């Protein structure tokens, strides 16, 4: 069965993960527990840091198999952008998402912790302005945190930009976005053209 939204290009997936500051970590236990965390995509794995104590770390120790989800909601598409029938059903949302299943492990190597923090700061504070993490000034800070790496066992990515629409409905959405003409509308139109293969 055709899956028009599925993305397998590692460069597209990495670019999305590099652009999003937060993901949702889902943990097992008697009751599922989901928590947002800052993260970085490094060496084909998800890295995040945490207090070494608390519910999140207790659950990771007991149930290291986790899921991780990242979503970027691009734009709400009103129903009348792709239909003249007056029904609500064609209303949609264009988005990108990545879902990862993997195993979480605590990182103990100071060198790896420093590398992960370097990558995280390059992502979140690209202008610099901080002391490099090889400095001994961070030793006490590193000792007080837990760095976690999620090794990927499966990864799925979906970029939804109207790939399932007929050529007529696709053209209608494009026309409405370009007429409305906000910066986000025009960027979304560009993404639609990038991912649409037609029918």
Foldseek 3Di string as FASTA:
>chain_A
DDDLFWDDPPVVVQVVQLQDQKKWKWFDDPDIDIDIFGWHQDPNWIKGKFFCDDDVNVRCVVTQWIKIKDKDWQDWQAQVLQDPPPDRVSTDTWIKMKMFIFGKDWDDDLVVVQVRVVRSCCSVPVVDDDDRSVDPVCVVVVVRMTMMITRTPDMIMTGDLCQVPAPRSLVSNLVVLVVVPDPSSVVSSVVNVVRHPHD
